[in-house]
């Protein structure tokens, strides 16, 4: 009877490591982080080499794994384990991203444009209005493959504001699939919605630019929302780290901020009131054609009618 507990203890010790409860054959958190750093460095180096890109990537990744004494099977097993602990894996990937960022800066690679946006203030003609976390990690499963956000506008927004959502990406997948999809959506104070979508491919900086459509330029923005979607791989693993997220708001020249919180454009001159509505003085205010037409603009369409077949009338002699 005493041998059974000893046997079970031996099995448990053989299956689990003594320090942190990680199964034998699975990389620890520190080991996983080191391997992923060199994995991405190998991919970056492969892109700079002449010749076949896929072959270069395979050889460089194999060299990186050999450096750590890790096989692809061990890496796959480790990924399966850590994916079940998605929050911990997200923390690992954020540390990987930070280490790669430091390495890039050490060799003189700077994120000048992104850093410039990050240093922008929240007010002014050009401002960074991003108030949320600047990073996110997506995994190719049904629970963690979408990142969504919503930013509420305030009184610093003007009619006809333009936007740019900027961020950096770092992909890691079993089959080298480096594609995701991003959406930037704007809701105006009249409940109209407009947006822009973009395919996000490869590692590096990306931008989604929203130019306010002409028909909405007299309205202020109510809120900004968006998401990044990572496709689900049925027979593999995928991960996407997003960092340095900023939302840059540009005031459009010639469209001053509305007074009293109203959405219609006004000139700085005091305007008379007629039946509780504002009237623009065309003698003192230069209006664009769209502003002159206002909501009275009609869509001109041409209705195409299918011609009837020609009826042949034959006379009987």
Protein backbone atom coordinates (compact mmCIF):
# COMPACT_ATOMS: atom_id res chain seq x y z
CA UNK A 1 0.00 0.00 0.00
CA UNK A 2 2.89 2.33 0.57
CA UNK A 3 4.16 1.91 -3.00
CA UNK A 4 1.05 3.42 -4.59
CA UNK A 5 1.49 6.91 -3.12
CA UNK A 6 5.17 6.84 -3.98
CA UNK A 7 4.35 5.78 -7.52
CA UNK A 8 1.80 8.58 -7.92
CA UNK A 9 4.30 11.07 -6.56
CA UNK A 10 6.86 9.94 -9.09
CA UNK A 11 4.36 10.34 -11.93
CA UNK A 12 3.43 13.83 -10.77
CA UNK A 13 7.08 14.86 -10.49
CA UNK A 14 7.79 13.46 -13.93
CA UNK A 15 4.86 15.29 -15.48
CA UNK A 16 5.17 18.62 -13.73
CA UNK A 17 8.19 20.76 -13.05
CA UNK A 18 8.97 21.43 -9.42
CA UNK A 19 9.03 25.21 -9.55
CA UNK A 20 5.88 26.54 -11.23
CA UNK A 21 3.67 23.55 -12.09
CA UNK A 22 4.35 23.68 -15.84
CA UNK A 23 4.17 20.26 -17.55
CA UNK A 24 7.44 18.63 -18.56
CA UNK A 25 8.31 19.41 -22.17
CA UNK A 26 6.61 22.83 -22.03
CA UNK A 27 8.73 25.97 -22.06
CA UNK A 28 8.57 28.14 -18.97
CA UNK A 29 7.45 31.74 -19.20
CA UNK A 30 11.02 33.04 -19.37
CA UNK A 31 12.07 30.41 -21.93
CA UNK A 32 9.00 31.12 -24.04
CA UNK A 33 9.78 34.82 -24.02
CA UNK A 34 13.42 34.25 -25.07
CA UNK A 35 12.41 31.91 -27.91
CA UNK A 36 9.76 34.30 -29.24
CA UNK A 37 12.19 37.22 -29.23
CA UNK A 38 14.71 35.29 -31.33
CA UNK A 39 11.90 33.91 -33.48
CA UNK A 40 10.85 37.41 -34.53
CA UNK A 41 14.44 38.51 -34.99
CA UNK A 42 14.97 35.52 -37.29
CA UNK A 43 11.93 36.50 -39.34
CA UNK A 44 13.13 40.08 -39.64
CA UNK A 45 16.58 38.93 -40.77
CA UNK A 46 15.08 36.53 -43.31
CA UNK A 47 13.22 39.40 -44.99
CA UNK A 48 16.52 41.17 -45.60
CA UNK A 49 18.26 38.20 -47.22
CA UNK A 50 18.29 37.65 -50.99
CA UNK A 51 16.64 34.60 -52.46
CA UNK A 52 13.47 32.75 -51.61
CA UNK A 53 11.75 34.40 -48.66
CA UNK A 54 9.97 31.29 -47.37
CA UNK A 55 13.13 29.21 -47.47
CA UNK A 56 15.14 31.92 -45.74
CA UNK A 57 12.49 32.24 -43.04
CA UNK A 58 12.47 28.48 -42.44
CA UNK A 59 16.27 28.30 -42.14
CA UNK A 60 16.54 31.36 -39.86
CA UNK A 61 13.76 30.15 -37.56
CA UNK A 62 15.35 26.70 -37.36
CA UNK A 63 18.64 28.33 -36.36
CA UNK A 64 16.86 30.36 -33.66
CA UNK A 65 15.21 27.26 -32.22
CA UNK A 66 18.49 25.33 -32.33
CA UNK A 67 20.13 28.16 -30.37
CA UNK A 68 17.73 27.48 -27.49
CA UNK A 69 17.74 23.70 -27.92
CA UNK A 70 14.04 23.68 -28.78
CA UNK A 71 12.31 21.66 -31.48
CA UNK A 72 9.24 22.79 -33.38
CA UNK A 73 7.23 20.08 -31.62
CA UNK A 74 8.23 21.48 -28.24
CA UNK A 75 7.36 24.99 -29.40
CA UNK A 76 3.94 23.82 -30.62
CA UNK A 77 3.26 22.00 -27.34
CA UNK A 78 4.26 25.10 -25.40
CA UNK A 79 1.97 27.27 -27.50
CA UNK A 80 -0.97 24.91 -26.83
CA UNK A 81 -0.32 25.13 -23.10
CA UNK A 82 0.14 28.88 -22.92
CA UNK A 83 -2.88 29.55 -25.16
CA UNK A 84 -5.05 27.90 -22.53
CA UNK A 85 -3.75 30.60 -20.20
CA UNK A 86 -4.51 33.45 -22.58
CA UNK A 87 -4.02 36.27 -20.07
CA UNK A 88 -0.55 35.01 -19.13
CA UNK A 89 0.35 34.54 -22.77
CA UNK A 90 -0.71 38.12 -23.49
CA UNK A 91 1.66 39.27 -20.75
CA UNK A 92 4.46 37.21 -22.31
CA UNK A 93 3.86 38.76 -25.71
CA UNK A 94 3.81 42.28 -24.35
CA UNK A 95 7.21 41.63 -22.76
CA UNK A 96 8.45 40.25 -26.09
CA UNK A 97 7.27 43.39 -27.85
CA UNK A 98 8.97 45.65 -25.32
CA UNK A 99 12.26 43.79 -25.66
CA UNK A 100 12.15 43.98 -29.45
CA UNK A 101 11.35 47.68 -29.21
CA UNK A 102 14.39 48.29 -26.99
CA UNK A 103 16.59 46.30 -29.39
CA UNK A 104 15.35 48.35 -32.33
CA UNK A 105 16.16 51.60 -30.55
CA UNK A 106 19.62 50.33 -29.63
CA UNK A 107 20.47 49.85 -33.31
CA UNK A 108 19.10 53.24 -34.28
CA UNK A 109 15.60 52.34 -35.43
CA UNK A 110 13.24 55.03 -34.14
CA UNK A 111 9.50 55.32 -34.26
CA UNK A 112 9.59 58.98 -35.12
CA UNK A 113 6.09 59.37 -36.49
CA UNK A 114 4.39 57.31 -33.77
CA UNK A 115 6.40 59.05 -31.04
CA UNK A 116 5.40 62.43 -32.45
CA UNK A 117 1.72 61.45 -32.26
CA UNK A 118 2.14 60.08 -28.74
CA UNK A 119 3.59 63.39 -27.58
CA UNK A 120 0.67 65.40 -28.91
CA UNK A 121 -1.58 67.09 -26.37
CA UNK A 122 -5.30 66.46 -26.09
CA UNK A 123 -6.22 69.96 -27.30
CA UNK A 124 -5.35 72.06 -30.32
CA UNK A 125 -5.83 71.83 -34.06
CA UNK A 126 -3.92 68.52 -34.08
CA UNK A 127 -4.31 66.43 -30.95
CA UNK A 128 -3.93 62.87 -29.69
CA UNK A 129 -7.33 62.04 -28.19
CA UNK A 130 -6.51 58.42 -27.30
CA UNK A 131 -7.26 57.86 -23.59
CA UNK A 132 -7.23 54.04 -23.47
CA UNK A 133 -4.45 51.47 -23.16
CA UNK A 134 -1.97 51.78 -25.99
CA UNK A 135 -1.51 48.03 -26.43
CA UNK A 136 -3.54 44.85 -26.96
CA UNK A 137 -2.85 41.18 -27.72
CA UNK A 138 -5.19 39.10 -29.90
CA UNK A 139 -5.24 35.31 -30.13
CA UNK A 140 -6.84 33.23 -32.87
CA UNK A 141 -9.67 31.81 -30.78
CA UNK A 142 -13.32 32.75 -30.36
CA UNK A 143 -12.74 34.65 -27.10
CA UNK A 144 -9.61 36.69 -27.78
CA UNK A 145 -9.54 37.44 -31.52
CA UNK A 146 -11.25 40.87 -31.47
CA UNK A 147 -10.12 44.11 -29.89
CA UNK A 148 -12.80 46.82 -29.65
CA UNK A 149 -12.84 50.36 -28.29
CA UNK A 150 -15.09 53.42 -27.98
CA UNK A 151 -14.01 57.03 -27.42
CA UNK A 152 -16.60 59.62 -26.46
CA UNK A 153 -16.16 63.08 -27.99
CA UNK A 154 -16.16 66.27 -25.93
CA UNK A 155 -16.42 70.00 -26.56
CA UNK A 156 -12.92 70.16 -28.08
CA UNK A 157 -14.23 68.46 -31.25
CA UNK A 158 -15.24 70.64 -34.19
CA UNK A 159 -17.49 69.93 -37.17
CA UNK A 160 -15.67 68.31 -40.12
CA UNK A 161 -12.88 66.90 -37.94
CA UNK A 162 -10.65 64.31 -39.60
CA UNK A 163 -9.10 61.36 -37.75
CA UNK A 164 -6.18 58.98 -37.98
CA UNK A 165 -5.89 55.77 -35.95
CA UNK A 166 -2.24 54.69 -35.87
CA UNK A 167 -0.69 51.58 -34.31
CA UNK A 168 2.06 48.99 -34.75
CA UNK A 169 1.61 45.25 -35.21
CA UNK A 170 3.62 42.12 -34.49
CA UNK A 171 2.26 38.83 -35.87
CA UNK A 172 3.08 35.29 -34.85
CA UNK A 173 1.33 32.29 -36.43
CA UNK A 174 1.95 28.66 -37.18
CA UNK A 175 1.55 29.11 -40.94
CA UNK A 176 3.02 32.56 -41.36
CA UNK A 177 -0.40 34.16 -41.86
CA UNK A 178 0.13 37.84 -41.12
CA UNK A 179 -3.27 39.33 -41.87
CA UNK A 180 -5.92 41.04 -39.78
CA UNK A 181 -8.69 43.56 -40.41
CA UNK A 182 -9.27 46.95 -38.78
CA UNK A 183 -12.36 49.17 -38.69
CA UNK A 184 -12.65 52.84 -37.66
CA UNK A 185 -16.23 54.05 -37.22
CA UNK A 186 -17.50 57.59 -36.44
CA UNK A 187 -20.95 58.44 -35.08
CA UNK A 188 -22.13 62.03 -35.59
CA UNK A 189 -24.52 64.00 -33.41
CA UNK A 190 -27.34 63.49 -35.92
CA UNK A 191 -26.90 59.69 -35.47
CA UNK A 192 -25.28 59.27 -38.89
CA UNK A 193 -22.43 56.76 -39.06
CA UNK A 194 -19.44 56.70 -41.40
CA UNK A 195 -16.21 54.74 -41.29
CA UNK A 196 -13.26 53.16 -43.00
CA UNK A 197 -11.94 49.60 -43.09
CA UNK A 198 -8.47 48.37 -43.88
CA UNK A 199 -6.58 45.12 -44.19
CA UNK A 200 -3.63 44.97 -41.79
CA UNK A 201 -0.79 42.88 -43.19
CA UNK A 202 2.72 42.30 -41.89
CA UNK A 203 4.68 43.69 -38.99
CA UNK A 204 5.21 47.41 -38.51
CA UNK A 205 3.23 50.68 -38.39
CA UNK A 206 -0.28 51.02 -39.83
CA UNK A 207 -2.72 53.89 -40.22
CA UNK A 208 -6.46 54.19 -40.76
CA UNK A 209 -7.36 57.68 -42.00
CA UNK A 210 -10.91 58.97 -41.75
CA UNK A 211 -11.76 62.02 -43.86
CA UNK A 212 -15.12 63.47 -42.90
CA UNK A 213 -17.59 63.11 -45.80
CA UNK A 214 -18.87 66.40 -47.15
CA UNK A 215 -22.49 65.71 -46.21
CA UNK A 216 -21.53 65.34 -42.51
CA UNK A 217 -19.18 68.30 -42.22
CA UNK A 218 -21.71 70.48 -40.42
CA UNK A 219 -22.06 67.99 -37.56
CA UNK A 220 -19.80 67.33 -34.62
CA UNK A 221 -18.59 63.84 -33.73
CA UNK A 222 -20.48 62.10 -30.92
CA UNK A 223 -18.13 59.13 -30.49
CA UNK A 224 -15.40 57.15 -32.21
CA UNK A 225 -15.31 53.36 -32.17
CA UNK A 226 -13.38 50.64 -33.89
CA UNK A 227 -11.95 47.16 -33.71
CA UNK A 228 -9.20 44.89 -34.94
CA UNK A 229 -10.19 41.38 -36.00
CA UNK A 230 -7.76 38.45 -36.16
CA UNK A 231 -9.09 35.48 -38.18
CA UNK A 232 -9.47 32.16 -36.39
CA UNK A 233 -7.18 29.40 -37.62
CA UNK A 234 -8.88 26.00 -37.45
CA UNK A 235 -5.68 23.99 -37.72
CA UNK A 236 -3.08 26.28 -36.24
CA UNK A 237 -2.18 29.09 -33.93
CA UNK A 238 -2.14 32.83 -34.46
CA UNK A 239 -1.24 35.80 -32.31
CA UNK A 240 -1.20 39.55 -32.95
CA UNK A 241 0.36 42.13 -30.64
CA UNK A 242 -0.80 45.72 -31.20
CA UNK A 243 1.11 48.58 -29.59
CA UNK A 244 1.58 52.38 -29.70
CA UNK A 245 -2.09 53.05 -30.44
CA UNK A 246 -2.96 56.72 -30.90
CA UNK A 247 -5.97 58.59 -32.27
CA UNK A 248 -5.02 61.85 -33.95
CA UNK A 249 -7.77 64.43 -34.49
CA UNK A 250 -7.32 67.17 -37.09
CA UNK A 251 -9.47 70.31 -37.17
CA UNK A 252 -10.53 71.20 -40.68
CA UNK A 253 -9.78 74.80 -41.54
CA UNK A 254 -12.78 77.00 -42.23
CA UNK A 255 -15.11 75.02 -39.97
CA UNK A 256 -15.23 76.81 -36.59
CA UNK A 257 -16.54 75.18 -33.45
CA UNK A 258 -20.34 75.48 -33.11
CA UNK A 259 -21.76 77.70 -30.39
CA UNK A 260 -24.16 76.62 -27.65
CA UNK A 261 -23.38 72.99 -28.42
CA UNK A 262 -25.34 73.05 -31.70
CA UNK A 263 -24.24 71.15 -34.72
CA UNK A 264 -24.83 73.71 -37.47
CA UNK A 265 -21.88 75.79 -38.55
CA UNK A 266 -21.82 79.43 -37.52
CA UNK A 267 -19.68 82.37 -38.38
CA UNK A 268 -18.00 84.41 -35.66
CA UNK A 269 -20.43 87.26 -36.45
CA UNK A 270 -23.59 87.63 -34.39
CA UNK A 271 -26.43 86.29 -36.49
CA UNK A 272 -30.08 87.30 -36.33
CA UNK A 273 -32.73 84.85 -35.20
CA UNK A 274 -35.79 84.01 -37.26
CA UNK A 275 -38.36 81.64 -35.79
CA UNK A 276 -35.77 80.26 -33.41
CA UNK A 277 -33.41 79.24 -36.24
CA UNK A 278 -30.11 80.76 -37.29
CA UNK A 279 -29.90 82.59 -40.60
CA UNK A 280 -26.57 83.05 -42.38
CA UNK A 281 -26.00 86.51 -43.88
CA UNK A 282 -24.72 85.71 -47.35
CA UNK A 283 -23.33 89.24 -47.68
CA UNK A 284 -20.88 88.73 -44.82
CA UNK A 285 -20.31 84.99 -44.79
CA UNK A 286 -18.81 82.98 -47.62
CA UNK A 287 -20.60 79.66 -47.89
CA UNK A 288 -19.62 76.52 -49.68
CA UNK A 289 -22.10 75.18 -52.26
CA UNK A 290 -23.04 72.34 -49.91
CA UNK A 291 -23.78 74.80 -47.09
CA UNK A 292 -25.97 76.90 -49.39
CA UNK A 293 -27.98 73.88 -50.45
CA UNK A 294 -28.11 72.41 -46.95
CA UNK A 295 -30.56 69.58 -46.52
CA UNK A 296 -32.43 70.68 -49.63
CA UNK A 297 -29.95 69.01 -51.91
CA UNK A 298 -31.60 66.36 -54.04
CA UNK A 299 -30.06 63.37 -55.65
CA UNK A 300 -30.30 63.52 -59.39
CA UNK A 301 -30.89 60.15 -60.95
CA UNK A 302 -31.53 59.00 -64.46
CA UNK A 303 -34.15 56.34 -64.76
CA UNK A 304 -33.36 53.87 -67.48
CA UNK A 305 -36.41 52.27 -69.07
CA UNK A 306 -36.00 49.15 -71.07
CA UNK A 307 -37.10 49.72 -74.62
CA UNK A 308 -40.13 47.83 -75.81
CA UNK A 309 -39.63 45.52 -78.75
CA UNK A 310 -40.65 46.92 -82.10
CA UNK A 311 -43.92 45.55 -83.21
CA UNK A 312 -43.98 44.68 -86.87
CA UNK A 313 -47.35 45.26 -88.51
CA UNK A 314 -47.88 43.36 -91.69
CA UNK A 315 -50.63 44.23 -94.05
CA UNK A 316 -52.52 41.51 -95.76
CA UNK A 317 -52.94 42.00 -99.42
